PDB file of N, CA and C in Angstrom:
ATOM      1  N   MET A   1      15.208 -15.259  10.430  1.00  0.00           N
ATOM      2  CA  MET A   1      14.757 -14.757   9.146  1.00  0.00           C
ATOM      3  C   MET A   1      13.608 -13.780   9.351  1.00  0.00           C
ATOM      4  N   PRO A   2      13.637 -12.661   8.648  1.00  0.00           N
ATOM      5  CA  PRO A   2      12.537 -11.708   8.776  1.00  0.00           C
ATOM      6  C   PRO A   2      11.253 -12.259   8.143  1.00  0.00           C
ATOM      7  N   ALA A   3      10.141 -11.975   8.773  1.00  0.00           N
ATOM      8  CA  ALA A   3       8.838 -12.436   8.288  1.00  0.00           C
ATOM      9  C   ALA A   3       8.153 -11.343   7.472  1.00  0.00           C
ATOM     10  N   ILE A   4       7.399 -11.804   6.470  1.00  0.00           N
ATOM     11  CA  ILE A   4       6.571 -10.904   5.659  1.00  0.00           C
ATOM     12  C   ILE A   4       5.142 -11.419   5.752  1.00  0.00           C
ATOM     13  N   HIS A   5       4.200 -10.510   6.006  1.00  0.00           N
ATOM     14  CA  HIS A   5       2.780 -10.852   6.030  1.00  0.00           C
ATOM     15  C   HIS A   5       2.164 -10.365   4.716  1.00  0.00           C
ATOM     16  N   PHE A   6       1.670 -11.312   3.927  1.00  0.00           N
ATOM     17  CA  PHE A   6       1.002 -10.993   2.672  1.00  0.00           C
ATOM     18  C   PHE A   6      -0.501 -11.039   2.907  1.00  0.00           C
ATOM     19  N   VAL A   7      -1.177  -9.910   2.725  1.00  0.00           N
ATOM     20  CA  VAL A   7      -2.636  -9.877   2.808  1.00  0.00           C
ATOM     21  C   VAL A   7      -3.140 -10.138   1.392  1.00  0.00           C
ATOM     22  N   LEU A   8      -3.800 -11.263   1.220  1.00  0.00           N
ATOM     23  CA  LEU A   8      -4.223 -11.709  -0.104  1.00  0.00           C
ATOM     24  C   LEU A   8      -5.543 -11.080  -0.518  1.00  0.00           C
ATOM     25  N   LYS A   9      -5.922 -11.312  -1.769  1.00  0.00           N
ATOM     26  CA  LYS A   9      -7.134 -10.720  -2.337  1.00  0.00           C
ATOM     27  C   LYS A   9      -8.379 -11.067  -1.538  1.00  0.00           C
ATOM     28  N   ASP A  10      -8.422 -12.263  -0.941  1.00  0.00           N
ATOM     29  CA  ASP A  10      -9.594 -12.687  -0.165  1.00  0.00           C
ATOM     30  C   ASP A  10      -9.514 -12.242   1.297  1.00  0.00           C
ATOM     31  N   ALA A  11      -8.543 -11.386   1.624  1.00  0.00           N
ATOM     32  CA  ALA A  11      -8.319 -10.815   2.955  1.00  0.00           C
ATOM     33  C   ALA A  11      -7.647 -11.789   3.924  1.00  0.00           C
ATOM     34  N   SER A  12      -7.312 -12.994   3.463  1.00  0.00           N
ATOM     35  CA  SER A  12      -6.555 -13.904   4.320  1.00  0.00           C
ATOM     36  C   SER A  12      -5.105 -13.415   4.374  1.00  0.00           C
ATOM     37  N   VAL A  13      -4.384 -13.834   5.396  1.00  0.00           N
ATOM     38  CA  VAL A  13      -2.998 -13.420   5.576  1.00  0.00           C
ATOM     39  C   VAL A  13      -2.111 -14.649   5.492  1.00  0.00           C
ATOM     40  N   ARG A  14      -1.063 -14.523   4.701  1.00  0.00           N
ATOM     41  CA  ARG A  14      -0.077 -15.597   4.561  1.00  0.00           C
ATOM     42  C   ARG A  14       1.257 -15.034   5.017  1.00  0.00           C
ATOM     43  N   THR A  15       1.866 -15.673   5.995  1.00  0.00           N
ATOM     44  CA  THR A  15       3.144 -15.211   6.532  1.00  0.00           C
ATOM     45  C   THR A  15       4.258 -16.136   6.068  1.00  0.00           C
ATOM     46  N   LEU A  16       5.305 -15.526   5.540  1.00  0.00           N
ATOM     47  CA  LEU A  16       6.464 -16.274   5.059  1.00  0.00           C
ATOM     48  C   LEU A  16       7.731 -15.697   5.678  1.00  0.00           C
ATOM     49  N   ASP A  17       8.678 -16.572   5.934  1.00  0.00           N
ATOM     50  CA  ASP A  17      10.002 -16.124   6.345  1.00  0.00           C
ATOM     51  C   ASP A  17      10.811 -15.861   5.084  1.00  0.00           C
ATOM     52  N   ALA A  18      11.547 -14.760   5.095  1.00  0.00           N
ATOM     53  CA  ALA A  18      12.364 -14.389   3.939  1.00  0.00           C
ATOM     54  C   ALA A  18      13.834 -14.441   4.319  1.00  0.00           C
ATOM     55  N   ARG A  19      14.623 -14.867   3.386  1.00  0.00           N
ATOM     56  CA  ARG A  19      16.072 -14.856   3.570  1.00  0.00           C
ATOM     57  C   ARG A  19      16.534 -13.404   3.605  1.00  0.00           C
ATOM     58  N   GLU A  20      17.402 -13.064   4.534  1.00  0.00           N
ATOM     59  CA  GLU A  20      17.940 -11.707   4.583  1.00  0.00           C
ATOM     60  C   GLU A  20      18.625 -11.401   3.257  1.00  0.00           C
ATOM     61  N   GLY A  21      18.299 -10.254   2.661  1.00  0.00           N
ATOM     62  CA  GLY A  21      18.852  -9.855   1.377  1.00  0.00           C
ATOM     63  C   GLY A  21      17.974 -10.232   0.201  1.00  0.00           C
ATOM     64  N   ALA A  22      16.989 -11.106   0.426  1.00  0.00           N
ATOM     65  CA  ALA A  22      16.040 -11.459  -0.640  1.00  0.00           C
ATOM     66  C   ALA A  22      15.006 -10.348  -0.767  1.00  0.00           C
ATOM     67  N   SER A  23      14.426 -10.244  -1.943  1.00  0.00           N
ATOM     68  CA  SER A  23      13.370  -9.252  -2.128  1.00  0.00           C
ATOM     69  C   SER A  23      12.037  -9.831  -1.664  1.00  0.00           C
ATOM     70  N   VAL A  24      11.100  -8.956  -1.402  1.00  0.00           N
ATOM     71  CA  VAL A  24       9.744  -9.391  -1.064  1.00  0.00           C
ATOM     72  C   VAL A  24       9.178 -10.220  -2.216  1.00  0.00           C
ATOM     73  N   MET A  25       9.484  -9.827  -3.453  1.00  0.00           N
ATOM     74  CA  MET A  25       9.029 -10.575  -4.625  1.00  0.00           C
ATOM     75  C   MET A  25       9.588 -11.996  -4.632  1.00  0.00           C
ATOM     76  N   GLU A  26      10.868 -12.149  -4.338  1.00  0.00           N
ATOM     77  CA  GLU A  26      11.460 -13.486  -4.314  1.00  0.00           C
ATOM     78  C   GLU A  26      10.794 -14.359  -3.265  1.00  0.00           C
ATOM     79  N   ALA A  27      10.544 -13.809  -2.098  1.00  0.00           N
ATOM     80  CA  ALA A  27       9.858 -14.576  -1.053  1.00  0.00           C
ATOM     81  C   ALA A  27       8.472 -14.988  -1.526  1.00  0.00           C
ATOM     82  N   ALA A  28       7.774 -14.085  -2.208  1.00  0.00           N
ATOM     83  CA  ALA A  28       6.435 -14.391  -2.707  1.00  0.00           C
ATOM     84  C   ALA A  28       6.469 -15.486  -3.761  1.00  0.00           C
ATOM     85  N   ILE A  29       7.422 -15.419  -4.681  1.00  0.00           N
ATOM     86  CA  ILE A  29       7.527 -16.425  -5.737  1.00  0.00           C
ATOM     87  C   ILE A  29       7.875 -17.786  -5.139  1.00  0.00           C
ATOM     88  N   PHE A  30       8.881 -17.834  -4.266  1.00  0.00           N
ATOM     89  CA  PHE A  30       9.279 -19.105  -3.660  1.00  0.00           C
ATOM     90  C   PHE A  30       8.185 -19.651  -2.748  1.00  0.00           C
ATOM     91  N   GLY A  31       7.376 -18.755  -2.178  1.00  0.00           N
ATOM     92  CA  GLY A  31       6.289 -19.174  -1.305  1.00  0.00           C
ATOM     93  C   GLY A  31       4.974 -19.370  -2.027  1.00  0.00           C
ATOM     94  N   ASN A  32       4.985 -19.216  -3.360  1.00  0.00           N
ATOM     95  CA  ASN A  32       3.786 -19.408  -4.185  1.00  0.00           C
ATOM     96  C   ASN A  32       2.621 -18.516  -3.750  1.00  0.00           C
ATOM     97  N   VAL A  33       2.911 -17.243  -3.539  1.00  0.00           N
ATOM     98  CA  VAL A  33       1.873 -16.273  -3.202  1.00  0.00           C
ATOM     99  C   VAL A  33       1.176 -15.859  -4.493  1.00  0.00           C
ATOM    100  N   ARG A  34      -0.083 -16.166  -4.597  1.00  0.00           N
ATOM    101  CA  ARG A  34      -0.848 -15.818  -5.795  1.00  0.00           C
ATOM    102  C   ARG A  34      -1.052 -14.314  -5.871  1.00  0.00           C
ATOM    103  N   GLY A  35      -0.905 -13.780  -7.088  1.00  0.00           N
ATOM    104  CA  GLY A  35      -1.100 -12.349  -7.298  1.00  0.00           C
ATOM    105  C   GLY A  35       0.191 -11.575  -7.467  1.00  0.00           C
ATOM    106  N   ILE A  36       1.315 -12.197  -7.134  1.00  0.00           N
ATOM    107  CA  ILE A  36       2.618 -11.593  -7.385  1.00  0.00           C
ATOM    108  C   ILE A  36       3.160 -12.321  -8.616  1.00  0.00           C
ATOM    109  N   ASP A  37       2.997 -11.716  -9.788  1.00  0.00           N
ATOM    110  CA  ASP A  37       3.328 -12.391 -11.040  1.00  0.00           C
ATOM    111  C   ASP A  37       4.813 -12.301 -11.391  1.00  0.00           C
ATOM    112  N   ALA A  38       5.412 -11.150 -11.206  1.00  0.00           N
ATOM    113  CA  ALA A  38       6.854 -10.973 -11.413  1.00  0.00           C
ATOM    114  C   ALA A  38       7.322 -11.461 -12.784  1.00  0.00           C
ATOM    115  N   GLU A  39       6.678 -11.005 -13.813  1.00  0.00           N
ATOM    116  CA  GLU A  39       6.995 -11.462 -15.172  1.00  0.00           C
ATOM    117  C   GLU A  39       8.421 -11.157 -15.598  1.00  0.00           C
ATOM    118  N   CYS A  40       9.002 -10.083 -15.094  1.00  0.00           N
ATOM    119  CA  CYS A  40      10.368  -9.738 -15.514  1.00  0.00           C
ATOM    120  C   CYS A  40      11.427 -10.379 -14.619  1.00  0.00           C
ATOM    121  N   GLY A  41      11.010 -11.136 -13.628  1.00  0.00           N
ATOM    122  CA  GLY A  41      11.966 -11.821 -12.770  1.00  0.00           C
ATOM    123  C   GLY A  41      12.665 -10.943 -11.758  1.00  0.00           C
ATOM    124  N   GLY A  42      12.166  -9.759 -11.554  1.00  0.00           N
ATOM    125  CA  GLY A  42      12.756  -8.887 -10.541  1.00  0.00           C
ATOM    126  C   GLY A  42      13.688  -7.817 -11.068  1.00  0.00           C
ATOM    127  N   SER A  43      13.623  -7.539 -12.358  1.00  0.00           N
ATOM    128  CA  SER A  43      14.530  -6.535 -12.932  1.00  0.00           C
ATOM    129  C   SER A  43      13.902  -5.139 -13.007  1.00  0.00           C
ATOM    130  N   CYS A  44      12.791  -4.922 -12.317  1.00  0.00           N
ATOM    131  CA  CYS A  44      12.131  -3.614 -12.267  1.00  0.00           C
ATOM    132  C   CYS A  44      11.742  -3.141 -13.665  1.00  0.00           C
ATOM    133  N   ALA A  45      11.146  -4.071 -14.448  1.00  0.00           N
ATOM    134  CA  ALA A  45      10.806  -3.739 -15.829  1.00  0.00           C
ATOM    135  C   ALA A  45       9.366  -4.063 -16.206  1.00  0.00           C
ATOM    136  N   CYS A  46       8.521  -4.486 -15.249  1.00  0.00           N
ATOM    137  CA  CYS A  46       7.173  -4.879 -15.671  1.00  0.00           C
ATOM    138  C   CYS A  46       6.057  -4.435 -14.727  1.00  0.00           C
ATOM    139  N   ALA A  47       6.319  -4.177 -13.489  1.00  0.00           N
ATOM    140  CA  ALA A  47       5.339  -3.738 -12.490  1.00  0.00           C
ATOM    141  C   ALA A  47       4.310  -4.813 -12.128  1.00  0.00           C
ATOM    142  N   THR A  48       4.575  -6.098 -12.454  1.00  0.00           N
ATOM    143  CA  THR A  48       3.627  -7.156 -12.098  1.00  0.00           C
ATOM    144  C   THR A  48       3.897  -7.746 -10.718  1.00  0.00           C
ATOM    145  N   CYS A  49       4.756  -7.094  -9.956  1.00  0.00           N
ATOM    146  CA  CYS A  49       4.985  -7.487  -8.564  1.00  0.00           C
ATOM    147  C   CYS A  49       4.530  -6.368  -7.619  1.00  0.00           C
ATOM    148  N   HIS A  50       3.663  -5.512  -8.121  1.00  0.00           N
ATOM    149  CA  HIS A  50       3.129  -4.381  -7.370  1.00  0.00           C
ATOM    150  C   HIS A  50       2.452  -4.864  -6.088  1.00  0.00           C
ATOM    151  N   VAL A  51       2.735  -4.194  -4.987  1.00  0.00           N
ATOM    152  CA  VAL A  51       2.068  -4.443  -3.711  1.00  0.00           C
ATOM    153  C   VAL A  51       1.752  -3.106  -3.066  1.00  0.00           C
ATOM    154  N   TYR A  52       0.857  -3.169  -2.087  1.00  0.00           N
ATOM    155  CA  TYR A  52       0.582  -2.007  -1.247  1.00  0.00           C
ATOM    156  C   TYR A  52       1.218  -2.268   0.107  1.00  0.00           C
ATOM    157  N   VAL A  53       2.230  -1.502   0.452  1.00  0.00           N
ATOM    158  CA  VAL A  53       2.865  -1.623   1.757  1.00  0.00           C
ATOM    159  C   VAL A  53       1.917  -1.034   2.791  1.00  0.00           C
ATOM    160  N   ASP A  54       1.707  -1.770   3.876  1.00  0.00           N
ATOM    161  CA  ASP A  54       0.830  -1.309   4.933  1.00  0.00           C
ATOM    162  C   ASP A  54       1.307   0.052   5.441  1.00  0.00           C
ATOM    163  N   GLU A  55       0.357   0.933   5.682  1.00  0.00           N
ATOM    164  CA  GLU A  55       0.681   2.298   6.104  1.00  0.00           C
ATOM    165  C   GLU A  55       1.599   2.327   7.316  1.00  0.00           C
ATOM    166  N   ALA A  56       1.413   1.395   8.236  1.00  0.00           N
ATOM    167  CA  ALA A  56       2.233   1.357   9.445  1.00  0.00           C
ATOM    168  C   ALA A  56       3.694   1.027   9.154  1.00  0.00           C
ATOM    169  N   ASP A  57       3.968   0.456   7.980  1.00  0.00           N
ATOM    170  CA  ASP A  57       5.332   0.052   7.637  1.00  0.00           C
ATOM    171  C   ASP A  57       6.039   0.992   6.668  1.00  0.00           C
ATOM    172  N   LEU A  58       5.343   1.942   6.110  1.00  0.00           N
ATOM    173  CA  LEU A  58       5.941   2.806   5.079  1.00  0.00           C
ATOM    174  C   LEU A  58       7.208   3.517   5.543  1.00  0.00           C
ATOM    175  N   ALA A  59       7.217   3.989   6.769  1.00  0.00           N
ATOM    176  CA  ALA A  59       8.373   4.738   7.266  1.00  0.00           C
ATOM    177  C   ALA A  59       9.613   3.864   7.419  1.00  0.00           C
ATOM    178  N   ARG A  60       9.439   2.548   7.429  1.00  0.00           N
ATOM    179  CA  ARG A  60      10.593   1.641   7.563  1.00  0.00           C
ATOM    180  C   ARG A  60      11.310   1.409   6.240  1.00  0.00           C
ATOM    181  N   LEU A  61      10.722   1.877   5.141  1.00  0.00           N
ATOM    182  CA  LEU A  61      11.303   1.648   3.818  1.00  0.00           C
ATOM    183  C   LEU A  61      11.912   2.928   3.256  1.00  0.00           C
ATOM    184  N   PRO A  62      13.000   2.793   2.509  1.00  0.00           N
ATOM    185  CA  PRO A  62      13.493   3.963   1.791  1.00  0.00           C
ATOM    186  C   PRO A  62      12.508   4.289   0.670  1.00  0.00           C
ATOM    187  N   PRO A  63      12.479   5.521   0.216  1.00  0.00           N
ATOM    188  CA  PRO A  63      11.554   5.854  -0.878  1.00  0.00           C
ATOM    189  C   PRO A  63      11.975   5.156  -2.167  1.00  0.00           C
ATOM    190  N   PRO A  64      11.031   4.993  -3.104  1.00  0.00           N
ATOM    191  CA  PRO A  64      11.389   4.375  -4.381  1.00  0.00           C
ATOM    192  C   PRO A  64      12.397   5.238  -5.130  1.00  0.00           C
ATOM    193  N   ASP A  65      13.314   4.573  -5.847  1.00  0.00           N
ATOM    194  CA  ASP A  65      14.237   5.338  -6.689  1.00  0.00           C
ATOM    195  C   ASP A  65      13.500   5.763  -7.961  1.00  0.00           C
ATOM    196  N   GLN A  66      14.175   6.473  -8.830  1.00  0.00           N
ATOM    197  CA  GLN A  66      13.532   7.032 -10.020  1.00  0.00           C
ATOM    198  C   GLN A  66      12.977   5.942 -10.944  1.00  0.00           C
ATOM    199  N   ILE A  67      13.703   4.859 -11.133  1.00  0.00           N
ATOM    200  CA  ILE A  67      13.241   3.783 -12.022  1.00  0.00           C
ATOM    201  C   ILE A  67      11.973   3.142 -11.463  1.00  0.00           C
ATOM    202  N   GLU A  68      11.983   2.826 -10.168  1.00  0.00           N
ATOM    203  CA  GLU A  68      10.786   2.243  -9.556  1.00  0.00           C
ATOM    204  C   GLU A  68       9.613   3.207  -9.639  1.00  0.00           C
ATOM    205  N   ALA A  69       9.848   4.479  -9.374  1.00  0.00           N
ATOM    206  CA  ALA A  69       8.768   5.475  -9.432  1.00  0.00           C
ATOM    207  C   ALA A  69       8.164   5.539 -10.828  1.00  0.00           C
ATOM    208  N   GLU A  70       9.004   5.451 -11.851  1.00  0.00           N
ATOM    209  CA  GLU A  70       8.497   5.456 -13.223  1.00  0.00           C
ATOM    210  C   GLU A  70       7.687   4.197 -13.516  1.00  0.00           C
ATOM    211  N   MET A  71       8.146   3.052 -13.048  1.00  0.00           N
ATOM    212  CA  MET A  71       7.414   1.795 -13.261  1.00  0.00           C
ATOM    213  C   MET A  71       6.081   1.800 -12.522  1.00  0.00           C
ATOM    214  N   LEU A  72       6.024   2.456 -11.381  1.00  0.00           N
ATOM    215  CA  LEU A  72       4.772   2.531 -10.629  1.00  0.00           C
ATOM    216  C   LEU A  72       3.702   3.321 -11.375  1.00  0.00           C
ATOM    217  N   GLU A  73       4.119   4.117 -12.344  1.00  0.00           N
ATOM    218  CA  GLU A  73       3.148   4.841 -13.179  1.00  0.00           C
ATOM    219  C   GLU A  73       2.379   3.875 -14.086  1.00  0.00           C
ATOM    220  N   ALA A  74       2.892   2.666 -14.281  1.00  0.00           N
ATOM    221  CA  ALA A  74       2.302   1.717 -15.221  1.00  0.00           C
ATOM    222  C   ALA A  74       1.606   0.533 -14.543  1.00  0.00           C
ATOM    223  N   VAL A  75       1.362   0.614 -13.235  1.00  0.00           N
ATOM    224  CA  VAL A  75       0.718  -0.517 -12.562  1.00  0.00           C
ATOM    225  C   VAL A  75      -0.725  -0.676 -13.026  1.00  0.00           C
ATOM    226  N   ALA A  76      -1.198  -1.930 -13.069  1.00  0.00           N
ATOM    227  CA  ALA A  76      -2.553  -2.226 -13.535  1.00  0.00           C
ATOM    228  C   ALA A  76      -3.595  -1.858 -12.487  1.00  0.00           C
ATOM    229  N   ALA A  77      -3.292  -2.101 -11.219  1.00  0.00           N
ATOM    230  CA  ALA A  77      -4.216  -1.769 -10.137  1.00  0.00           C
ATOM    231  C   ALA A  77      -4.043  -0.300  -9.759  1.00  0.00           C
ATOM    232  N   GLU A  78      -4.978   0.205  -9.026  1.00  0.00           N
ATOM    233  CA  GLU A  78      -4.919   1.600  -8.565  1.00  0.00           C
ATOM    234  C   GLU A  78      -3.597   1.862  -7.843  1.00  0.00           C
ATOM    235  N   ARG A  79      -2.955   2.961  -8.184  1.00  0.00           N
ATOM    236  CA  ARG A  79      -1.739   3.355  -7.466  1.00  0.00           C
ATOM    237  C   ARG A  79      -2.160   4.095  -6.204  1.00  0.00           C
ATOM    238  N   ARG A  80      -1.543   3.740  -5.108  1.00  0.00           N
ATOM    239  CA  ARG A  80      -1.835   4.323  -3.795  1.00  0.00           C
ATOM    240  C   ARG A  80      -0.544   4.818  -3.164  1.00  0.00           C
ATOM    241  N   PRO A  81      -0.647   5.578  -2.065  1.00  0.00           N
ATOM    242  CA  PRO A  81       0.583   6.062  -1.414  1.00  0.00           C
ATOM    243  C   PRO A  81       1.538   4.936  -1.008  1.00  0.00           C
ATOM    244  N   GLY A  82       1.020   3.764  -0.681  1.00  0.00           N
ATOM    245  CA  GLY A  82       1.858   2.642  -0.281  1.00  0.00           C
ATOM    246  C   GLY A  82       2.275   1.743  -1.427  1.00  0.00           C
ATOM    247  N   SER A  83       2.005   2.138  -2.664  1.00  0.00           N
ATOM    248  CA  SER A  83       2.368   1.317  -3.818  1.00  0.00           C
ATOM    249  C   SER A  83       3.873   1.196  -3.945  1.00  0.00           C
ATOM    250  N   ARG A  84       4.328  -0.040  -4.064  1.00  0.00           N
ATOM    251  CA  ARG A  84       5.753  -0.324  -4.288  1.00  0.00           C
ATOM    252  C   ARG A  84       5.867  -1.546  -5.171  1.00  0.00           C
ATOM    253  N   LEU A  85       7.014  -1.713  -5.797  1.00  0.00           N
ATOM    254  CA  LEU A  85       7.316  -2.935  -6.522  1.00  0.00           C
ATOM    255  C   LEU A  85       8.046  -3.846  -5.542  1.00  0.00           C
ATOM    256  N   SER A  86       7.488  -5.027  -5.334  1.00  0.00           N
ATOM    257  CA  SER A  86       8.054  -5.911  -4.322  1.00  0.00           C
ATOM    258  C   SER A  86       9.461  -6.395  -4.678  1.00  0.00           C
ATOM    259  N   CYS A  87       9.846  -6.308  -5.956  1.00  0.00           N
ATOM    260  CA  CYS A  87      11.210  -6.679  -6.344  1.00  0.00           C
ATOM    261  C   CYS A  87      12.235  -5.668  -5.845  1.00  0.00           C
ATOM    262  N   GLN A  88      11.790  -4.515  -5.429  1.00  0.00           N
ATOM    263  CA  GLN A  88      12.698  -3.453  -4.996  1.00  0.00           C
ATOM    264  C   GLN A  88      12.775  -3.314  -3.476  1.00  0.00           C
ATOM    265  N   ILE A  89      12.069  -4.173  -2.751  1.00  0.00           N
ATOM    266  CA  ILE A  89      12.106  -4.143  -1.283  1.00  0.00           C
ATOM    267  C   ILE A  89      12.954  -5.317  -0.823  1.00  0.00           C
ATOM    268  N   MET A  90      14.146  -5.025  -0.335  1.00  0.00           N
ATOM    269  CA  MET A  90      15.058  -6.061   0.122  1.00  0.00           C
ATOM    270  C   MET A  90      14.886  -6.266   1.623  1.00  0.00           C
ATOM    271  N   MET A  91      14.747  -7.514   2.000  1.00  0.00           N
ATOM    272  CA  MET A  91      14.467  -7.830   3.396  1.00  0.00           C
ATOM    273  C   MET A  91      15.723  -7.751   4.258  1.00  0.00           C
ATOM    274  N   THR A  92      15.540  -7.134   5.406  1.00  0.00           N
ATOM    275  CA  THR A  92      16.575  -7.028   6.430  1.00  0.00           C
ATOM    276  C   THR A  92      15.901  -7.336   7.768  1.00  0.00           C
ATOM    277  N   PRO A  93      16.678  -7.588   8.799  1.00  0.00           N
ATOM    278  CA  PRO A  93      16.060  -7.810  10.113  1.00  0.00           C
ATOM    279  C   PRO A  93      15.178  -6.634  10.549  1.00  0.00           C
ATOM    280  N   ALA A  94      15.522  -5.423  10.125  1.00  0.00           N
ATOM    281  CA  ALA A  94      14.729  -4.245  10.487  1.00  0.00           C
ATOM    282  C   ALA A  94      13.332  -4.268   9.871  1.00  0.00           C
ATOM    283  N   LEU A  95      13.134  -5.074   8.817  1.00  0.00           N
ATOM    284  CA  LEU A  95      11.822  -5.157   8.166  1.00  0.00           C
ATOM    285  C   LEU A  95      11.004  -6.355   8.645  1.00  0.00           C
ATOM    286  N   ASP A  96      11.482  -7.050   9.674  1.00  0.00           N
ATOM    287  CA  ASP A  96      10.737  -8.191  10.207  1.00  0.00           C
ATOM    288  C   ASP A  96       9.310  -7.771  10.543  1.00  0.00           C
ATOM    289  N   GLY A  97       8.343  -8.545  10.059  1.00  0.00           N
ATOM    290  CA  GLY A  97       6.939  -8.241  10.305  1.00  0.00           C
ATOM    291  C   GLY A  97       6.309  -7.325   9.270  1.00  0.00           C
ATOM    292  N   LEU A  98       7.017  -7.039   8.186  1.00  0.00           N
ATOM    293  CA  LEU A  98       6.493  -6.186   7.119  1.00  0.00           C
ATOM    294  C   LEU A  98       5.170  -6.752   6.607  1.00  0.00           C
ATOM    295  N   THR A  99       4.188  -5.880   6.415  1.00  0.00           N
ATOM    296  CA  THR A  99       2.895  -6.296   5.869  1.00  0.00           C
ATOM    297  C   THR A  99       2.684  -5.628   4.527  1.00  0.00           C
ATOM    298  N   VAL A 100       2.369  -6.457   3.513  1.00  0.00           N
ATOM    299  CA  VAL A 100       2.056  -5.953   2.181  1.00  0.00           C
ATOM    300  C   VAL A 100       0.730  -6.548   1.734  1.00  0.00           C
ATOM    301  N   HIS A 101      -0.024  -5.758   0.994  1.00  0.00           N
ATOM    302  CA  HIS A 101      -1.320  -6.180   0.466  1.00  0.00           C
ATOM    303  C   HIS A 101      -1.171  -6.441  -1.028  1.00  0.00           C
ATOM    304  N   VAL A 102      -1.686  -7.581  -1.466  1.00  0.00           N
ATOM    305  CA  VAL A 102      -1.628  -7.950  -2.880  1.00  0.00           C
ATOM    306  C   VAL A 102      -2.804  -7.307  -3.594  1.00  0.00           C
ATOM    307  N   PRO A 103      -2.561  -6.535  -4.663  1.00  0.00           N
ATOM    308  CA  PRO A 103      -3.662  -5.894  -5.402  1.00  0.00           C
ATOM    309  C   PRO A 103      -4.610  -6.910  -6.044  1.00  0.00           C
ATOM    310  N   GLU A 104      -5.782  -6.437  -6.395  1.00  0.00           N
ATOM    311  CA  GLU A 104      -6.778  -7.292  -7.056  1.00  0.00           C
ATOM    312  C   GLU A 104      -6.274  -7.821  -8.400  1.00  0.00           C
ATOM    313  N   THR A 105      -5.496  -7.023  -9.102  1.00  0.00           N
ATOM    314  CA  THR A 105      -5.019  -7.439 -10.422  1.00  0.00           C
ATOM    315  C   THR A 105      -3.604  -6.933 -10.642  1.00  0.00           C
ATOM    316  N   GLN A 106      -2.853  -7.620 -11.479  1.00  0.00           N
ATOM    317  CA  GLN A 106      -1.497  -7.197 -11.832  1.00  0.00           C
ATOM    318  C   GLN A 106      -1.375  -6.957 -13.327  1.00  0.00           C
ATOM    319  N   VAL A 107      -2.232  -7.525 -14.124  1.00  0.00           N
ATOM    320  CA  VAL A 107      -2.066  -7.448 -15.572  1.00  0.00           C
ATOM    321  C   VAL A 107      -3.118  -6.541 -16.170  1.00  0.00           C
TER     322      VAL A 107
END
């Protein structure tokens, strides 16, 4: 199973194994990662699963599609170059070791 490293608000790191094909958001919800609210359940409609993908990992991800890019305009925390919606990042073996930072706020 591919691993995801969540850098939390207090700078601690929580590593979870994700099922291949699951989203980063699903892994966070099932792993009880605080700060990933996911109010819409992963339908790319709320931006409460916003994360900052570590700069070293950005090239491993496809760019956001138009819907995700529009939703990223509405994030509560500062939008950065690594801003993504974790519901739109599907885990594959190629993403093993992905690091994402949880923003200070989602709402």
